[in-house]
Amino acid sequence: MTDLTLYYKPTCPYCQKVLNFLTSQGISVPLKNTLDNKNREELINIGGKNQVPCLIIDRKALYESDDIIEWFKNNRL
């Protein structure tokens, strides 16, 4: 089983694009809002930068909304 977490910011349109895709596909993954300082620091520690959306896949960061959506299309859960 793949360990996934999606870091996002509610005001980010690219995050909303990913979240809308996940909802439309009935995909549920753990979410962490980076407006929470703890989550933002966690993201920086894992991925090296404070960029969202960021999908953490087994402790590796995947950035860019289109890349994240493509990953989900190719890796059905």
Protein backbone atom coordinates (compact mmCIF):
# COMPACT_ATOMS: atom_id res chain seq x y z
CA MET A 1 0.00 0.00 0.00
CA THR A 2 1.28 3.45 -0.95
CA ASP A 3 1.54 6.08 1.79
CA LEU A 4 -0.03 9.31 0.46
CA THR A 5 -0.61 12.79 1.87
CA LEU A 6 -1.72 15.86 -0.06
CA TYR A 7 -0.50 19.22 1.22
CA TYR A 8 -2.67 22.09 0.07
CA LYS A 9 -3.74 25.66 0.78
CA PRO A 10 -7.48 26.43 0.50
CA THR A 11 -6.89 29.70 -1.38
CA CYS A 12 -4.65 28.12 -4.05
CA PRO A 13 -6.44 27.59 -7.40
CA TYR A 14 -4.05 24.77 -8.35
CA CYS A 15 -4.86 23.00 -5.08
CA GLN A 16 -8.56 23.41 -5.82
CA LYS A 17 -7.99 21.84 -9.25
CA VAL A 18 -6.47 18.75 -7.61
CA LEU A 19 -9.10 18.60 -4.86
CA ASN A 20 -11.92 18.89 -7.42
CA PHE A 21 -10.41 16.06 -9.46
CA LEU A 22 -10.11 13.84 -6.39
CA THR A 23 -13.72 14.56 -5.43
CA SER A 24 -14.98 13.88 -8.96
CA GLN A 25 -13.19 10.52 -8.97
CA GLY A 26 -14.24 9.54 -5.44
CA ILE A 27 -10.62 9.44 -4.31
CA SER A 28 -9.90 10.11 -0.66
CA VAL A 29 -6.40 10.86 0.63
CA PRO A 30 -5.20 12.43 3.87
CA LEU A 31 -5.06 16.22 3.52
CA LYS A 32 -2.85 18.71 5.33
CA ASN A 33 -3.60 22.42 5.12
CA THR A 34 -0.38 24.44 4.98
CA LEU A 35 -2.05 27.46 6.58
CA ASP A 36 -1.36 25.46 9.75
CA ASN A 37 2.28 26.24 10.63
CA LYS A 38 2.94 22.66 11.76
CA ASN A 39 1.83 21.27 8.39
CA ARG A 40 3.84 23.88 6.48
CA GLU A 41 7.00 23.01 8.42
CA GLU A 42 6.35 19.30 7.86
CA LEU A 43 6.05 19.89 4.10
CA ILE A 44 9.29 21.87 4.01
CA ASN A 45 11.09 19.12 5.95
CA ILE A 46 9.88 16.43 3.56
CA GLY A 47 9.94 18.21 0.20
CA GLY A 48 12.43 20.99 0.78
CA LYS A 49 10.07 23.82 -0.12
CA ASN A 50 6.74 25.38 0.74
CA GLN A 51 5.01 24.78 -2.60
CA VAL A 52 1.47 23.48 -2.93
CA PRO A 53 -0.17 21.39 -4.08
CA CYS A 54 2.27 18.70 -3.09
CA LEU A 55 1.48 15.02 -3.02
CA ILE A 56 3.80 13.05 -0.76
CA ILE A 57 4.15 9.51 -2.08
CA ASP A 58 6.07 7.26 0.30
CA ARG A 59 7.99 10.30 1.68
CA LYS A 60 8.80 11.66 -1.83
CA ALA A 61 7.34 14.97 -3.01
CA LEU A 62 5.41 15.38 -6.26
CA TYR A 63 4.59 18.99 -7.17
CA GLU A 64 2.45 20.59 -9.90
CA SER A 65 -1.29 20.04 -10.11
CA ASP A 66 -1.23 18.41 -13.57
CA ASP A 67 1.49 15.97 -12.49
CA ILE A 68 -0.46 15.06 -9.34
CA ILE A 69 -3.66 14.48 -11.33
CA GLU A 70 -1.74 12.38 -13.87
CA TRP A 71 -0.25 10.30 -11.03
CA PHE A 72 -3.74 9.51 -9.75
CA LYS A 73 -4.94 8.62 -13.24
CA ASN A 74 -2.07 6.16 -13.61
CA ASN A 75 -2.19 4.75 -10.06
CA ARG A 76 -5.74 3.83 -9.24
CA LEU A 77 -6.29 3.33 -5.55
